[in-house]
Protein backbone atom coordinates (compact mmCIF):
# COMPACT_ATOMS: atom_id res chain seq x y z
CA UNK A 1 -59.42 16.49 -16.94
CA UNK A 2 -58.06 14.45 -14.24
CA UNK A 3 -55.87 11.28 -15.14
CA UNK A 4 -57.42 8.53 -16.71
CA UNK A 5 -56.89 4.89 -16.03
CA UNK A 6 -55.94 2.83 -19.01
CA UNK A 7 -57.41 -1.01 -19.88
CA UNK A 8 -53.99 -3.06 -19.41
CA UNK A 9 -52.91 -5.02 -22.30
CA UNK A 10 -50.99 -8.07 -22.63
CA UNK A 11 -47.08 -8.20 -22.07
CA UNK A 12 -45.05 -10.68 -24.73
CA UNK A 13 -42.32 -12.15 -21.89
CA UNK A 14 -39.46 -14.03 -24.10
CA UNK A 15 -37.09 -16.22 -22.27
CA UNK A 16 -34.16 -17.58 -23.02
CA UNK A 17 -32.80 -21.14 -22.50
CA UNK A 18 -29.98 -19.86 -21.32
CA UNK A 19 -29.90 -17.99 -18.04
CA UNK A 20 -27.45 -14.76 -18.76
CA UNK A 21 -29.44 -13.88 -21.78
CA UNK A 22 -31.81 -10.99 -21.50
CA UNK A 23 -35.40 -11.06 -20.95
CA UNK A 24 -36.84 -9.90 -23.41
CA UNK A 25 -40.22 -7.71 -22.66
CA UNK A 26 -42.56 -6.59 -25.68
CA UNK A 27 -46.28 -4.69 -24.73
CA UNK A 28 -48.32 -5.98 -27.31
CA UNK A 29 -49.88 -3.06 -30.14
CA UNK A 30 -47.40 -0.58 -28.25
CA UNK A 31 -44.39 1.19 -28.60
CA UNK A 32 -42.42 -0.36 -26.17
CA UNK A 33 -39.44 -2.28 -26.49
CA UNK A 34 -37.41 -3.43 -23.36
CA UNK A 35 -35.08 -5.38 -21.71
CA UNK A 36 -34.62 -6.63 -18.55
CA UNK A 37 -29.94 -7.65 -18.25
CA UNK A 38 -28.82 -8.80 -15.13
CA UNK A 39 -25.43 -6.47 -13.98
CA UNK A 40 -23.65 -9.43 -13.99
CA UNK A 41 -24.00 -9.84 -17.49
CA UNK A 42 -25.01 -6.40 -19.35
CA UNK A 43 -22.65 -6.93 -21.98
CA UNK A 44 -24.71 -9.60 -23.40
CA UNK A 45 -27.08 -6.83 -24.45
CA UNK A 46 -26.23 -6.57 -27.97
CA UNK A 47 -25.00 -3.54 -30.00
CA UNK A 48 -28.53 -2.56 -32.00
CA UNK A 49 -29.50 -1.35 -28.17
CA UNK A 50 -26.88 1.68 -28.55
CA UNK A 51 -29.63 3.79 -29.42
CA UNK A 52 -31.72 6.71 -27.45
CA UNK A 53 -34.05 5.86 -24.83
CA UNK A 54 -34.33 5.22 -21.00
CA UNK A 55 -33.32 2.70 -18.39
CA UNK A 56 -33.90 1.90 -14.75
CA UNK A 57 -30.99 0.30 -12.77
CA UNK A 58 -32.52 -1.73 -9.58
CA UNK A 59 -31.60 -2.05 -6.49
CA UNK A 60 -33.02 -5.58 -4.98
CA UNK A 61 -36.13 -4.87 -2.89
CA UNK A 62 -35.75 -5.47 0.96
CA UNK A 63 -37.71 -7.48 3.62
CA UNK A 64 -40.36 -4.58 3.59
CA UNK A 65 -40.85 -4.50 0.18
CA UNK A 66 -38.91 -1.10 -0.81
CA UNK A 67 -35.75 -0.69 -3.05
CA UNK A 68 -34.17 1.83 -4.44
CA UNK A 69 -33.47 3.17 -8.08
CA UNK A 70 -32.03 5.67 -10.29
CA UNK A 71 -33.37 6.44 -13.69
CA UNK A 72 -31.72 8.11 -16.67
CA UNK A 73 -31.52 8.20 -19.70
CA UNK A 74 -29.52 7.97 -23.30
CA UNK A 75 -28.92 9.51 -26.23
CA UNK A 76 -25.56 8.84 -28.38
CA UNK A 77 -23.90 6.37 -28.56
CA UNK A 78 -26.80 4.62 -27.10
CA UNK A 79 -28.46 2.27 -23.99
CA UNK A 80 -26.26 -0.50 -24.18
CA UNK A 81 -22.98 2.23 -23.34
CA UNK A 82 -24.30 4.24 -20.86
CA UNK A 83 -26.27 0.65 -19.27
CA UNK A 84 -22.09 -0.46 -19.51
CA UNK A 85 -20.66 2.76 -17.97
CA UNK A 86 -22.69 2.50 -15.22
CA UNK A 87 -21.71 -0.71 -13.97
CA UNK A 88 -18.25 0.98 -12.85
CA UNK A 89 -20.09 4.36 -11.62
CA UNK A 90 -22.37 3.06 -9.40
CA UNK A 91 -22.38 0.00 -7.70
CA UNK A 92 -25.95 -0.11 -6.20
CA UNK A 93 -28.29 -2.35 -8.28
CA UNK A 94 -28.08 -5.88 -10.00
CA UNK A 95 -30.38 -5.97 -12.66
CA UNK A 96 -31.44 -3.01 -15.35
CA UNK A 97 -34.72 -2.13 -17.34
CA UNK A 98 -34.08 -0.52 -20.53
CA UNK A 99 -36.43 1.23 -22.86
CA UNK A 100 -36.50 1.96 -26.39
CA UNK A 101 -38.93 2.61 -29.52
CA UNK A 102 -40.66 -0.55 -31.07
CA UNK A 103 -40.23 0.34 -35.17
CA UNK A 104 -39.61 -1.49 -38.03
CA UNK A 105 -38.32 1.44 -40.00
CA UNK A 106 -35.28 1.84 -38.10
CA UNK A 107 -36.45 5.23 -36.07
CA UNK A 108 -35.55 5.30 -32.96
CA UNK A 109 -37.07 8.46 -30.40
CA UNK A 110 -35.08 11.83 -29.87
CA UNK A 111 -33.15 12.86 -27.49
CA UNK A 112 -35.90 15.08 -26.03
CA UNK A 113 -38.14 12.16 -26.26
CA UNK A 114 -35.77 10.34 -24.00
CA UNK A 115 -35.47 12.97 -21.87
CA UNK A 116 -38.80 13.84 -21.54
CA UNK A 117 -39.41 9.80 -21.16
CA UNK A 118 -36.76 9.82 -18.46
CA UNK A 119 -38.45 12.86 -16.47
CA UNK A 120 -41.67 10.64 -16.48
CA UNK A 121 -40.42 7.44 -14.98
CA UNK A 122 -38.70 9.58 -12.39
CA UNK A 123 -42.08 11.16 -11.61
CA UNK A 124 -43.95 7.70 -11.30
CA UNK A 125 -41.06 6.02 -9.05
CA UNK A 126 -41.11 9.16 -7.26
CA UNK A 127 -44.34 9.16 -6.74
CA UNK A 128 -44.17 5.85 -4.74
CA UNK A 129 -44.40 5.48 -1.49
CA UNK A 130 -42.50 2.45 -1.61
CA UNK A 131 -39.36 3.57 -4.06
CA UNK A 132 -35.85 5.38 -2.90
CA UNK A 133 -34.23 7.04 -5.61
CA UNK A 134 -30.53 7.58 -6.32
CA UNK A 135 -31.31 10.97 -8.14
CA UNK A 136 -29.22 13.61 -7.37
CA UNK A 137 -31.98 16.30 -9.43
CA UNK A 138 -34.87 15.58 -11.51
CA UNK A 139 -34.48 15.09 -15.12
CA UNK A 140 -37.04 16.75 -16.73
CA UNK A 141 -37.60 17.95 -20.66
CA UNK A 142 -40.15 20.82 -21.36
CA UNK A 143 -39.72 20.59 -25.13
CA UNK A 144 -41.85 18.57 -26.48
CA UNK A 145 -45.70 19.87 -27.59
CA UNK A 146 -48.21 18.69 -25.31
CA UNK A 147 -49.52 15.64 -28.86
CA UNK A 148 -46.04 14.32 -28.94
CA UNK A 149 -46.03 13.76 -25.06
CA UNK A 150 -49.10 12.08 -25.16
CA UNK A 151 -47.92 9.72 -27.69
CA UNK A 152 -44.85 9.16 -25.59
CA UNK A 153 -47.34 7.82 -22.42
CA UNK A 154 -48.12 4.69 -23.97
CA UNK A 155 -44.99 3.87 -22.46
CA UNK A 156 -45.72 4.02 -18.97
CA UNK A 157 -48.22 1.32 -18.72
CA UNK A 158 -46.07 -1.61 -19.97
CA UNK A 159 -43.12 -0.23 -17.97
CA UNK A 160 -45.34 -0.08 -14.38
CA UNK A 161 -46.76 -3.43 -15.47
CA UNK A 162 -43.38 -5.28 -16.15
CA UNK A 163 -42.12 -3.79 -12.58
CA UNK A 164 -44.77 -5.44 -11.11
CA UNK A 165 -44.28 -8.90 -12.79
CA UNK A 166 -40.40 -8.56 -11.50
CA UNK A 167 -41.14 -7.59 -7.91
CA UNK A 168 -41.29 -4.36 -8.01
CA UNK A 169 -44.43 -2.79 -7.86
CA UNK A 170 -44.86 1.06 -7.16
CA UNK A 171 -47.50 1.55 -4.08
CA UNK A 172 -50.09 3.39 -3.14
CA UNK A 173 -51.29 5.04 -6.43
CA UNK A 174 -55.17 3.96 -7.53
CA UNK A 175 -53.95 5.52 -10.65
CA UNK A 176 -51.06 3.76 -13.11
CA UNK A 177 -50.94 6.95 -15.53
CA UNK A 178 -49.54 9.86 -14.14
CA UNK A 179 -49.42 13.39 -15.74
CA UNK A 180 -46.35 15.46 -14.79
CA UNK A 181 -47.18 19.31 -14.48
CA UNK A 182 -46.26 21.80 -16.94
CA UNK A 183 -44.19 24.07 -15.43
CA UNK A 184 -46.17 27.10 -14.21
CA UNK A 185 -49.41 25.55 -14.56
CA UNK A 186 -51.35 24.28 -11.52
CA UNK A 187 -52.35 21.06 -11.16
CA UNK A 188 -56.65 20.96 -11.58
CA UNK A 189 -58.97 19.55 -9.40
CA UNK A 190 -61.48 17.00 -10.56
CA UNK A 191 -64.69 18.70 -10.52
CA UNK A 192 -67.34 18.45 -8.17
CA UNK A 193 -69.76 16.60 -9.97
CA UNK A 194 -67.90 14.35 -11.82
CA UNK A 195 -66.93 10.92 -10.97
CA UNK A 196 -62.81 9.93 -10.13
CA UNK A 197 -62.19 8.78 -13.39
CA UNK A 198 -63.75 12.00 -14.91
CA UNK A 199 -66.61 9.97 -17.10
CA UNK A 200 -69.35 10.04 -15.52
CA UNK A 201 -71.49 11.89 -13.64
CA UNK A 202 -71.36 10.74 -9.18
CA UNK A 203 -73.38 8.19 -7.99
CA UNK A 204 -75.22 11.21 -6.07
CA UNK A 205 -76.70 12.84 -9.13
CA UNK A 206 -76.96 9.20 -10.84
CA UNK A 207 -80.03 9.37 -8.04
CA UNK A 208 -81.49 12.08 -8.45
CA UNK A 209 -80.19 14.68 -11.22
CA UNK A 210 -82.50 18.30 -10.63
CA UNK A 211 -80.90 20.92 -10.51
CA UNK A 212 -81.73 21.75 -7.52
CA UNK A 213 -80.34 18.67 -6.59
CA UNK A 214 -77.14 19.07 -8.00
CA UNK A 215 -77.29 22.70 -5.83
CA UNK A 216 -77.83 21.08 -2.67
CA UNK A 217 -75.07 18.98 -3.06
CA UNK A 218 -72.74 20.65 -4.40
CA UNK A 219 -73.89 23.28 -1.13
CA UNK A 220 -73.25 20.31 0.92
CA UNK A 221 -69.95 19.63 -0.27
CA UNK A 222 -68.92 23.11 -0.06
CA UNK A 223 -70.43 23.25 3.67
CA UNK A 224 -67.21 20.24 4.27
């Protein structure tokens, strides 16, 4: 079954009265907790962010709307320290978006989950026509179960939505969610008789749903 476009849900954005404070972003009813920090004030990210997670280093968009990015992950000691290291190692970025697990029980992402999320964010950005990635290699972690991967995909809509909110939209794709093909598994094309979202018969079959009409329609499609 092809990826399905999911309904949007609210982002709760909290702005401090102090301009140098990180912007807090929370996806309502979801698990992603995010902060947007400015490069010149990266040290304002509190030490509670020294937990595993993923991050995106953002370049300023140019006049044509193209922008560069670097996608990374942090495990131990965590996101805050990793972003501070990137102040010395990379000079291209002006903002960083950091992402962790939102929990009231002191739970965090583990190393494999942070690695998978890093790879999925990379896949999303690499699929966009207007993004230039600075990563030399494609990050990925194939050790998670299908169920664990499904739960982590809840992160992707708020991440993409917030990138769009701050002027870093991902252009050209029709679907918000993405599925990273598993190694050795070829992507499956949608069935001929199913609509693009995979949820209903195509309009032509709804107008004339007899088996004979369906066969005739399939023959026409095969013939191009």
